Full PDB file with SEQRES, HELIX, SHEET, SSBOND, CRYST1, ORIGX, SCALE, CONECT and MASTER records, all heavy atoms in Angstrom:
SEQRES   1 A   38  VAL GLU GLU ARG PRO GLY VAL THR SER LYS ILE ILE SER          
SEQRES   2 A   38  PRO ASP GLU SER ILE GLU ILE LEU GLY LYS ALA LEU GLU          
SEQRES   3 A   38  ILE CYS PRO ASP ILE LYS VAL ALA GLY ILE ALA GLY              
HELIX    1 AA1 PRO A   14  ILE A   27  1                                  14    
CRYST1    1.000    1.000    1.000  90.00  90.00  90.00 P 1           1          
ORIGX1      1.000000  0.000000  0.000000        0.00000                         
ORIGX2      0.000000  1.000000  0.000000        0.00000                         
ORIGX3      0.000000  0.000000  1.000000        0.00000                         
SCALE1      1.000000  0.000000  0.000000        0.00000                         
SCALE2      0.000000  1.000000  0.000000        0.00000                         
SCALE3      0.000000  0.000000  1.000000        0.00000                         
ATOM      1  N   VAL A   1     -55.559 -14.124  38.528  1.00  0.00           N  
ATOM      2  CA  VAL A   1     -54.657 -13.139  39.189  1.00  0.00           C  
ATOM      3  C   VAL A   1     -54.370 -11.893  38.392  1.00  0.00           C  
ATOM      4  O   VAL A   1     -53.973 -10.889  38.982  1.00  0.00           O  
ATOM      5  CB  VAL A   1     -53.356 -13.829  39.653  1.00  0.00           C  
ATOM      6  CG1 VAL A   1     -53.616 -14.939  40.620  1.00  0.00           C  
ATOM      7  CG2 VAL A   1     -52.562 -14.290  38.411  1.00  0.00           C  
ATOM      8  N   GLU A   2     -54.499 -11.929  37.069  1.00  0.00           N  
ATOM      9  CA  GLU A   2     -54.123 -10.768  36.281  1.00  0.00           C  
ATOM     10  C   GLU A   2     -55.275  -9.799  36.075  1.00  0.00           C  
ATOM     11  O   GLU A   2     -56.376 -10.187  35.750  1.00  0.00           O  
ATOM     12  CB  GLU A   2     -53.545 -11.186  34.947  1.00  0.00           C  
ATOM     13  CG  GLU A   2     -52.266 -12.054  35.038  1.00  0.00           C  
ATOM     14  CD  GLU A   2     -51.737 -12.372  33.665  1.00  0.00           C  
ATOM     15  OE1 GLU A   2     -51.217 -11.446  33.019  1.00  0.00           O  
ATOM     16  OE2 GLU A   2     -51.817 -13.513  33.267  1.00  0.00           O  
ATOM     17  N   GLU A   3     -55.012  -8.503  36.228  1.00  0.00           N  
ATOM     18  CA  GLU A   3     -55.973  -7.471  36.005  1.00  0.00           C  
ATOM     19  C   GLU A   3     -55.757  -6.758  34.684  1.00  0.00           C  
ATOM     20  O   GLU A   3     -55.014  -5.759  34.598  1.00  0.00           O  
ATOM     21  CB  GLU A   3     -55.920  -6.455  37.148  1.00  0.00           C  
ATOM     22  CG  GLU A   3     -56.518  -6.968  38.436  1.00  0.00           C  
ATOM     23  CD  GLU A   3     -57.999  -7.241  38.360  1.00  0.00           C  
ATOM     24  OE1 GLU A   3     -58.745  -6.375  37.837  1.00  0.00           O  
ATOM     25  OE2 GLU A   3     -58.388  -8.373  38.715  1.00  0.00           O  
ATOM     26  N   ARG A   4     -56.297  -7.294  33.629  1.00  0.00           N  
ATOM     27  CA  ARG A   4     -56.151  -6.691  32.296  1.00  0.00           C  
ATOM     28  C   ARG A   4     -57.105  -7.302  31.292  1.00  0.00           C  
ATOM     29  O   ARG A   4     -57.641  -8.389  31.510  1.00  0.00           O  
ATOM     30  CB  ARG A   4     -54.707  -6.873  31.787  1.00  0.00           C  
ATOM     31  CG  ARG A   4     -54.304  -8.368  31.634  1.00  0.00           C  
ATOM     32  CD  ARG A   4     -52.927  -8.491  31.011  1.00  0.00           C  
ATOM     33  NE  ARG A   4     -52.428  -9.839  30.971  1.00  0.00           N  
ATOM     34  CZ  ARG A   4     -52.606 -10.694  29.947  1.00  0.00           C  
ATOM     35  NH1 ARG A   4     -53.324 -10.287  28.890  1.00  0.00           N  
ATOM     36  NH2 ARG A   4     -52.131 -11.896  29.961  1.00  0.00           N  
ATOM     37  N   PRO A   5     -57.309  -6.591  30.154  1.00  0.00           N  
ATOM     38  CA  PRO A   5     -58.104  -7.218  29.090  1.00  0.00           C  
ATOM     39  C   PRO A   5     -57.345  -8.498  28.613  1.00  0.00           C  
ATOM     40  O   PRO A   5     -56.139  -8.591  28.721  1.00  0.00           O  
ATOM     41  CB  PRO A   5     -58.131  -6.144  28.009  1.00  0.00           C  
ATOM     42  CG  PRO A   5     -57.857  -4.880  28.768  1.00  0.00           C  
ATOM     43  CD  PRO A   5     -56.901  -5.244  29.836  1.00  0.00           C  
ATOM     44  N   GLY A   6     -58.104  -9.407  27.990  1.00  0.00           N  
ATOM     45  CA  GLY A   6     -57.512 -10.599  27.476  1.00  0.00           C  
ATOM     46  C   GLY A   6     -57.397 -11.747  28.497  1.00  0.00           C  
ATOM     47  O   GLY A   6     -56.869 -12.798  28.186  1.00  0.00           O  
ATOM     48  N   VAL A   7     -57.876 -11.454  29.739  1.00  0.00           N  
ATOM     49  CA  VAL A   7     -57.730 -12.447  30.778  1.00  0.00           C  
ATOM     50  C   VAL A   7     -59.143 -12.778  31.383  1.00  0.00           C  
ATOM     51  O   VAL A   7     -59.950 -11.900  31.545  1.00  0.00           O  
ATOM     52  CB  VAL A   7     -56.820 -11.941  31.942  1.00  0.00           C  
ATOM     53  CG1 VAL A   7     -56.810 -12.966  33.092  1.00  0.00           C  
ATOM     54  CG2 VAL A   7     -55.440 -11.691  31.438  1.00  0.00           C  
ATOM     55  N   THR A   8     -59.312 -14.046  31.641  1.00  0.00           N  
ATOM     56  CA  THR A   8     -60.552 -14.515  32.294  1.00  0.00           C  
ATOM     57  C   THR A   8     -60.197 -15.734  33.160  1.00  0.00           C  
ATOM     58  O   THR A   8     -59.174 -16.356  32.967  1.00  0.00           O  
ATOM     59  CB  THR A   8     -61.634 -14.866  31.275  1.00  0.00           C  
ATOM     60  OG1 THR A   8     -62.845 -15.276  31.977  1.00  0.00           O  
ATOM     61  CG2 THR A   8     -61.186 -16.001  30.348  1.00  0.00           C  
ATOM     62  N   SER A   9     -61.077 -16.043  34.095  1.00  0.00           N  
ATOM     63  CA  SER A   9     -60.819 -17.208  34.899  1.00  0.00           C  
ATOM     64  C   SER A   9     -61.279 -18.467  34.205  1.00  0.00           C  
ATOM     65  O   SER A   9     -60.860 -19.570  34.464  1.00  0.00           O  
ATOM     66  CB  SER A   9     -61.483 -17.083  36.265  1.00  0.00           C  
ATOM     67  OG  SER A   9     -62.909 -16.991  36.099  1.00  0.00           O  
ATOM     68  N   LYS A  10     -62.244 -18.334  33.271  1.00  0.00           N  
ATOM     69  CA  LYS A  10     -62.743 -19.439  32.473  1.00  0.00           C  
ATOM     70  C   LYS A  10     -63.547 -18.917  31.325  1.00  0.00           C  
ATOM     71  O   LYS A  10     -63.978 -17.755  31.293  1.00  0.00           O  
ATOM     72  CB  LYS A  10     -63.601 -20.340  33.339  1.00  0.00           C  
ATOM     73  CG  LYS A  10     -64.893 -19.709  33.850  1.00  0.00           C  
ATOM     74  CD  LYS A  10     -65.709 -20.701  34.697  1.00  0.00           C  
ATOM     75  CE  LYS A  10     -66.956 -20.051  35.238  1.00  0.00           C  
ATOM     76  NZ  LYS A  10     -67.759 -20.993  36.038  1.00  0.00           N  
ATOM     77  N   ILE A  11     -63.752 -19.766  30.314  1.00  0.00           N  
ATOM     78  CA  ILE A  11     -64.639 -19.453  29.203  1.00  0.00           C  
ATOM     79  C   ILE A  11     -65.998 -19.999  29.536  1.00  0.00           C  
ATOM     80  O   ILE A  11     -66.118 -21.158  30.026  1.00  0.00           O  
ATOM     81  CB  ILE A  11     -64.104 -20.098  27.886  1.00  0.00           C  
ATOM     82  CG1 ILE A  11     -62.648 -19.655  27.625  1.00  0.00           C  
ATOM     83  CG2 ILE A  11     -65.024 -19.690  26.749  1.00  0.00           C  
ATOM     84  CD1 ILE A  11     -62.489 -18.219  27.391  1.00  0.00           C  
ATOM     85  N   ILE A  12     -67.049 -19.239  29.255  1.00  0.00           N  
ATOM     86  CA  ILE A  12     -68.405 -19.685  29.535  1.00  0.00           C  
ATOM     87  C   ILE A  12     -69.161 -19.789  28.198  1.00  0.00           C  
ATOM     88  O   ILE A  12     -68.777 -19.202  27.214  1.00  0.00           O  
ATOM     89  CB  ILE A  12     -69.189 -18.787  30.460  1.00  0.00           C  
ATOM     90  CG1 ILE A  12     -69.294 -17.357  29.919  1.00  0.00           C  
ATOM     91  CG2 ILE A  12     -68.452 -18.740  31.835  1.00  0.00           C  
ATOM     92  CD1 ILE A  12     -70.172 -16.446  30.755  1.00  0.00           C  
ATOM     93  N   SER A  13     -70.278 -20.542  28.208  1.00  0.00           N  
ATOM     94  CA  SER A  13     -71.090 -20.683  27.023  1.00  0.00           C  
ATOM     95  C   SER A  13     -72.166 -19.602  26.997  1.00  0.00           C  
ATOM     96  O   SER A  13     -72.475 -18.987  28.030  1.00  0.00           O  
ATOM     97  CB  SER A  13     -71.739 -22.098  27.020  1.00  0.00           C  
ATOM     98  OG  SER A  13     -72.769 -22.124  28.007  1.00  0.00           O  
ATOM     99  N   PRO A  14     -72.784 -19.383  25.826  1.00  0.00           N  
ATOM    100  CA  PRO A  14     -73.850 -18.427  25.759  1.00  0.00           C  
ATOM    101  C   PRO A  14     -74.999 -18.711  26.743  1.00  0.00           C  
ATOM    102  O   PRO A  14     -75.546 -17.814  27.359  1.00  0.00           O  
ATOM    103  CB  PRO A  14     -74.353 -18.496  24.316  1.00  0.00           C  
ATOM    104  CG  PRO A  14     -73.104 -18.856  23.565  1.00  0.00           C  
ATOM    105  CD  PRO A  14     -72.363 -19.854  24.485  1.00  0.00           C  
ATOM    106  N   ASP A  15     -75.312 -20.021  26.902  1.00  0.00           N  
ATOM    107  CA  ASP A  15     -76.398 -20.358  27.872  1.00  0.00           C  
ATOM    108  C   ASP A  15     -75.952 -20.048  29.331  1.00  0.00           C  
ATOM    109  O   ASP A  15     -76.741 -19.526  30.129  1.00  0.00           O  
ATOM    110  CB  ASP A  15     -76.735 -21.837  27.739  1.00  0.00           C  
ATOM    111  CG  ASP A  15     -77.550 -22.106  26.504  1.00  0.00           C  
ATOM    112  OD1 ASP A  15     -78.355 -21.214  26.105  1.00  0.00           O  
ATOM    113  OD2 ASP A  15     -77.485 -23.245  25.959  1.00  0.00           O  
ATOM    114  N   GLU A  16     -74.692 -20.386  29.659  1.00  0.00           N  
ATOM    115  CA  GLU A  16     -74.194 -20.091  30.996  1.00  0.00           C  
ATOM    116  C   GLU A  16     -74.187 -18.576  31.251  1.00  0.00           C  
ATOM    117  O   GLU A  16     -74.424 -18.133  32.371  1.00  0.00           O  
ATOM    118  CB  GLU A  16     -72.771 -20.600  31.145  1.00  0.00           C  
ATOM    119  CG  GLU A  16     -72.660 -22.098  31.274  1.00  0.00           C  
ATOM    120  CD  GLU A  16     -71.205 -22.540  31.363  1.00  0.00           C  
ATOM    121  OE1 GLU A  16     -70.440 -22.228  30.513  1.00  0.00           O  
ATOM    122  OE2 GLU A  16     -70.894 -23.247  32.385  1.00  0.00           O  
ATOM    123  N   SER A  17     -73.989 -17.819  30.226  1.00  0.00           N  
ATOM    124  CA  SER A  17     -73.890 -16.339  30.409  1.00  0.00           C  
ATOM    125  C   SER A  17     -75.218 -15.766  30.919  1.00  0.00           C  
ATOM    126  O   SER A  17     -75.203 -14.827  31.688  1.00  0.00           O  
ATOM    127  CB  SER A  17     -73.484 -15.663  29.101  1.00  0.00           C  
ATOM    128  OG  SER A  17     -74.517 -15.736  28.103  1.00  0.00           O  
ATOM    129  N   ILE A  18     -76.338 -16.370  30.495  1.00  0.00           N  
ATOM    130  CA  ILE A  18     -77.610 -15.849  30.945  1.00  0.00           C  
ATOM    131  C   ILE A  18     -77.843 -16.200  32.408  1.00  0.00           C  
ATOM    132  O   ILE A  18     -78.319 -15.330  33.201  1.00  0.00           O  
ATOM    133  CB  ILE A  18     -78.746 -16.471  30.075  1.00  0.00           C  
ATOM    134  CG1 ILE A  18     -78.559 -16.067  28.585  1.00  0.00           C  
ATOM    135  CG2 ILE A  18     -80.101 -16.025  30.579  1.00  0.00           C  
ATOM    136  CD1 ILE A  18     -78.470 -14.584  28.372  1.00  0.00           C  
ATOM    137  N   GLU A  19     -77.433 -17.369  32.827  1.00  0.00           N  
ATOM    138  CA  GLU A  19     -77.530 -17.740  34.230  1.00  0.00           C  
ATOM    139  C   GLU A  19     -76.635 -16.869  35.098  1.00  0.00           C  
ATOM    140  O   GLU A  19     -77.040 -16.360  36.152  1.00  0.00           O  
ATOM    141  CB  GLU A  19     -77.081 -19.219  34.393  1.00  0.00           C  
ATOM    142  CG  GLU A  19     -77.152 -19.725  35.800  1.00  0.00           C  
ATOM    143  CD  GLU A  19     -76.675 -21.165  35.881  1.00  0.00           C  
ATOM    144  OE1 GLU A  19     -76.598 -21.871  34.867  1.00  0.00           O  
ATOM    145  OE2 GLU A  19     -76.355 -21.594  37.022  1.00  0.00           O  
ATOM    146  N   ILE A  20     -75.417 -16.566  34.602  1.00  0.00           N  
ATOM    147  CA  ILE A  20     -74.505 -15.756  35.336  1.00  0.00           C  
ATOM    148  C   ILE A  20     -75.000 -14.308  35.388  1.00  0.00           C  
ATOM    149  O   ILE A  20     -74.854 -13.643  36.439  1.00  0.00           O  
ATOM    150  CB  ILE A  20     -73.093 -15.793  34.659  1.00  0.00           C  
ATOM    151  CG1 ILE A  20     -72.472 -17.159  35.022  1.00  0.00           C  
ATOM    152  CG2 ILE A  20     -72.184 -14.649  35.072  1.00  0.00           C  
ATOM    153  CD1 ILE A  20     -71.203 -17.461  34.210  1.00  0.00           C  
ATOM    154  N   LEU A  21     -75.618 -13.793  34.339  1.00  0.00           N  
ATOM    155  CA  LEU A  21     -76.162 -12.462  34.316  1.00  0.00           C  
ATOM    156  C   LEU A  21     -77.216 -12.280  35.392  1.00  0.00           C  
ATOM    157  O   LEU A  21     -77.258 -11.309  36.110  1.00  0.00           O  
ATOM    158  CB  LEU A  21     -76.766 -12.174  32.956  1.00  0.00           C  
ATOM    159  CG  LEU A  21     -76.045 -11.182  32.045  1.00  0.00           C  
ATOM    160  CD1 LEU A  21     -76.763 -11.100  30.713  1.00  0.00           C  
ATOM    161  CD2 LEU A  21     -75.935  -9.831  32.693  1.00  0.00           C  
ATOM    162  N   GLY A  22     -78.108 -13.294  35.538  1.00  0.00           N  
ATOM    163  CA  GLY A  22     -79.141 -13.215  36.562  1.00  0.00           C  
ATOM    164  C   GLY A  22     -78.541 -13.136  37.965  1.00  0.00           C  
ATOM    165  O   GLY A  22     -78.944 -12.330  38.794  1.00  0.00           O  
ATOM    166  N   LYS A  23     -77.511 -13.941  38.215  1.00  0.00           N  
ATOM    167  CA  LYS A  23     -76.851 -13.953  39.489  1.00  0.00           C  
ATOM    168  C   LYS A  23     -76.144 -12.624  39.762  1.00  0.00           C  
ATOM    169  O   LYS A  23     -76.222 -12.064  40.831  1.00  0.00           O  
ATOM    170  CB  LYS A  23     -75.793 -15.070  39.508  1.00  0.00           C  
ATOM    171  CG  LYS A  23     -75.001 -15.212  40.806  1.00  0.00           C  
ATOM    172  CD  LYS A  23     -74.024 -16.337  40.748  1.00  0.00           C  
ATOM    173  CE  LYS A  23     -73.138 -16.436  41.989  1.00  0.00           C  
ATOM    174  NZ  LYS A  23     -72.149 -17.534  41.915  1.00  0.00           N  
ATOM    175  N   ALA A  24     -75.496 -12.066  38.717  1.00  0.00           N  
ATOM    176  CA  ALA A  24     -74.765 -10.835  38.845  1.00  0.00           C  
ATOM    177  C   ALA A  24     -75.711  -9.661  39.139  1.00  0.00           C  
ATOM    178  O   ALA A  24     -75.385  -8.789  39.994  1.00  0.00           O  
ATOM    179  CB  ALA A  24     -73.999 -10.577  37.573  1.00  0.00           C  
ATOM    180  N   LEU A  25     -76.875  -9.644  38.519  1.00  0.00           N  
ATOM    181  CA  LEU A  25     -77.846  -8.558  38.745  1.00  0.00           C  
ATOM    182  C   LEU A  25     -78.411  -8.609  40.170  1.00  0.00           C  
ATOM    183  O   LEU A  25     -78.732  -7.564  40.749  1.00  0.00           O  
ATOM    184  CB  LEU A  25     -78.925  -8.621  37.742  1.00  0.00           C  
ATOM    185  CG  LEU A  25     -78.532  -8.125  36.314  1.00  0.00           C  
ATOM    186  CD1 LEU A  25     -79.613  -8.557  35.305  1.00  0.00           C  
ATOM    187  CD2 LEU A  25     -78.371  -6.619  36.298  1.00  0.00           C  
ATOM    188  N   GLU A  26     -78.487  -9.791  40.707  1.00  0.00           N  
ATOM    189  CA  GLU A  26     -78.938  -9.895  42.130  1.00  0.00           C  
ATOM    190  C   GLU A  26     -77.911  -9.311  43.098  1.00  0.00           C  
ATOM    191  O   GLU A  26     -78.248  -8.589  44.035  1.00  0.00           O  
ATOM    192  CB  GLU A  26     -79.187 -11.375  42.500  1.00  0.00           C  
ATOM    193  CG  GLU A  26     -80.420 -11.984  41.854  1.00  0.00           C  
ATOM    194  CD  GLU A  26     -80.631 -13.416  42.255  1.00  0.00           C  
ATOM    195  OE1 GLU A  26     -79.940 -13.887  43.209  1.00  0.00           O  
ATOM    196  OE2 GLU A  26     -81.495 -14.091  41.671  1.00  0.00           O  
ATOM    197  N   ILE A  27     -76.645  -9.585  42.801  1.00  0.00           N  
ATOM    198  CA  ILE A  27     -75.565  -9.111  43.676  1.00  0.00           C  
ATOM    199  C   ILE A  27     -75.251  -7.615  43.426  1.00  0.00           C  
ATOM    200  O   ILE A  27     -74.990  -6.883  44.374  1.00  0.00           O  
ATOM    201  CB  ILE A  27     -74.259  -9.934  43.404  1.00  0.00           C  
ATOM    202  CG1 ILE A  27     -74.462 -11.410  43.841  1.00  0.00           C  
ATOM    203  CG2 ILE A  27     -73.077  -9.324  44.138  1.00  0.00           C  
ATOM    204  CD1 ILE A  27     -73.346 -12.319  43.425  1.00  0.00           C  
ATOM    205  N   CYS A  28     -75.339  -7.224  42.186  1.00  0.00           N  
ATOM    206  CA  CYS A  28     -75.049  -5.827  41.820  1.00  0.00           C  
ATOM    207  C   CYS A  28     -76.067  -5.236  40.922  1.00  0.00           C  
ATOM    208  O   CYS A  28     -75.941  -5.252  39.679  1.00  0.00           O  
ATOM    209  CB  CYS A  28     -73.619  -5.760  41.142  1.00  0.00           C  
ATOM    210  SG  CYS A  28     -73.104  -4.091  40.721  1.00  0.00           S  
ATOM    211  N   PRO A  29     -77.150  -4.692  41.473  1.00  0.00           N  
ATOM    212  CA  PRO A  29     -78.259  -4.126  40.661  1.00  0.00           C  
ATOM    213  C   PRO A  29     -77.801  -2.902  39.889  1.00  0.00           C  
ATOM    214  O   PRO A  29     -78.577  -2.499  38.967  1.00  0.00           O  
ATOM    215  CB  PRO A  29     -79.255  -3.724  41.719  1.00  0.00           C  
ATOM    216  CG  PRO A  29     -78.945  -4.498  42.971  1.00  0.00           C  
ATOM    217  CD  PRO A  29     -77.454  -4.665  42.943  1.00  0.00           C  
ATOM    218  N   ASP A  30     -76.618  -2.340  40.178  1.00  0.00           N  
ATOM    219  CA  ASP A  30     -76.122  -1.204  39.393  1.00  0.00           C  
ATOM    220  C   ASP A  30     -75.670  -1.561  38.016  1.00  0.00           C  
ATOM    221  O   ASP A  30     -75.365  -0.675  37.168  1.00  0.00           O  
ATOM    222  CB  ASP A  30     -74.938  -0.540  40.157  1.00  0.00           C  
ATOM    223  CG  ASP A  30     -75.344   0.157  41.385  1.00  0.00           C  
ATOM    224  OD1 ASP A  30     -76.459   0.716  41.419  1.00  0.00           O  
ATOM    225  OD2 ASP A  30     -74.577   0.172  42.370  1.00  0.00           O  
ATOM    226  N   ILE A  31     -75.602  -2.868  37.690  1.00  0.00           N  
ATOM    227  CA  ILE A  31     -75.161  -3.288  36.359  1.00  0.00           C  
ATOM    228  C   ILE A  31     -76.154  -2.800  35.300  1.00  0.00           C  
ATOM    229  O   ILE A  31     -77.345  -3.138  35.373  1.00  0.00           O  
ATOM    230  CB  ILE A  31     -74.987  -4.800  36.272  1.00  0.00           C  
ATOM    231  CG1 ILE A  31     -73.800  -5.243  37.101  1.00  0.00           C  
ATOM    232  CG2 ILE A  31     -74.843  -5.260  34.827  1.00  0.00           C  
ATOM    233  CD1 ILE A  31     -73.627  -6.753  37.215  1.00  0.00           C  
ATOM    234  N   LYS A  32     -75.636  -2.008  34.349  1.00  0.00           N  
ATOM    235  CA  LYS A  32     -76.475  -1.502  33.290  1.00  0.00           C  
ATOM    236  C   LYS A  32     -76.023  -2.043  31.918  1.00  0.00           C  
ATOM    237  O   LYS A  32     -76.768  -1.934  30.934  1.00  0.00           O  
ATOM    238  CB  LYS A  32     -76.359   0.039  33.185  1.00  0.00           C  
ATOM    239  CG  LYS A  32     -76.796   0.781  34.465  1.00  0.00           C  
ATOM    240  CD  LYS A  32     -78.312   0.703  34.687  1.00  0.00           C  
ATOM    241  CE  LYS A  32     -78.760   1.670  35.772  1.00  0.00           C  
ATOM    242  NZ  LYS A  32     -78.207   1.396  37.100  1.00  0.00           N  
ATOM    243  N   VAL A  33     -74.819  -2.626  31.915  1.00  0.00           N  
ATOM    244  CA  VAL A  33     -74.206  -3.031  30.612  1.00  0.00           C  
ATOM    245  C   VAL A  33     -73.805  -4.487  30.658  1.00  0.00           C  
ATOM    246  O   VAL A  33     -73.130  -4.936  31.573  1.00  0.00           O  
ATOM    247  CB  VAL A  33     -72.960  -2.143  30.349  1.00  0.00           C  
ATOM    248  CG1 VAL A  33     -72.312  -2.554  29.035  1.00  0.00           C  
ATOM    249  CG2 VAL A  33     -73.341  -0.679  30.291  1.00  0.00           C  
ATOM    250  N   ALA A  34     -74.164  -5.196  29.588  1.00  0.00           N  
ATOM    251  CA  ALA A  34     -73.624  -6.542  29.378  1.00  0.00           C  
ATOM    252  C   ALA A  34     -72.661  -6.437  28.199  1.00  0.00           C  
ATOM    253  O   ALA A  34     -73.027  -6.123  27.097  1.00  0.00           O  
ATOM    254  CB  ALA A  34     -74.748  -7.516  29.033  1.00  0.00           C  
ATOM    255  N   GLY A  35     -71.391  -6.641  28.538  1.00  0.00           N  
ATOM    256  CA  GLY A  35     -70.345  -6.496  27.515  1.00  0.00           C  
ATOM    257  C   GLY A  35     -69.616  -7.814  27.233  1.00  0.00           C  
ATOM    258  O   GLY A  35     -69.546  -8.685  28.087  1.00  0.00           O  
ATOM    259  N   ILE A  36     -69.118  -7.902  26.029  1.00  0.00           N  
ATOM    260  CA  ILE A  36     -68.285  -8.995  25.648  1.00  0.00           C  
ATOM    261  C   ILE A  36     -66.987  -8.439  25.036  1.00  0.00           C  
ATOM    262  O   ILE A  36     -67.019  -7.741  24.027  1.00  0.00           O  
ATOM    263  CB  ILE A  36     -68.950  -9.980  24.658  1.00  0.00           C  
ATOM    264  CG1 ILE A  36     -70.273 -10.486  25.228  1.00  0.00           C  
ATOM    265  CG2 ILE A  36     -68.046 -11.159  24.348  1.00  0.00           C  
ATOM    266  CD1 ILE A  36     -71.068 -11.376  24.305  1.00  0.00           C  
ATOM    267  N   ALA A  37     -65.853  -8.750  25.721  1.00  0.00           N  
ATOM    268  CA  ALA A  37     -64.586  -8.160  25.333  1.00  0.00           C  
ATOM    269  C   ALA A  37     -63.525  -9.232  25.161  1.00  0.00           C  
ATOM    270  O   ALA A  37     -62.319  -8.947  25.205  1.00  0.00           O  
ATOM    271  CB  ALA A  37     -64.138  -7.144  26.340  1.00  0.00           C  
ATOM    272  N   GLY A  38     -63.926 -10.479  25.008  1.00  0.00           N  
ATOM    273  CA  GLY A  38     -62.902 -11.529  24.852  1.00  0.00           C  
ATOM    274  C   GLY A  38     -63.182 -12.764  25.644  1.00  0.00           C  
ATOM    275  O   GLY A  38     -64.380 -13.094  25.918  1.00  0.00           O  
TER     276      GLY A  38                                                      
MASTER        0    0    0    1    0    0    0    6  275    1    0    3          
END                                                                             
């Protein structure tokens, strides 16, 4: 529910991040940046 840095709905693993990235690029091809901020 919170819109700010320092908040996430869950922590993911490095392996999960690659799977999520693929899904995200399918939904939003405008993604140019993979960032990690916490």
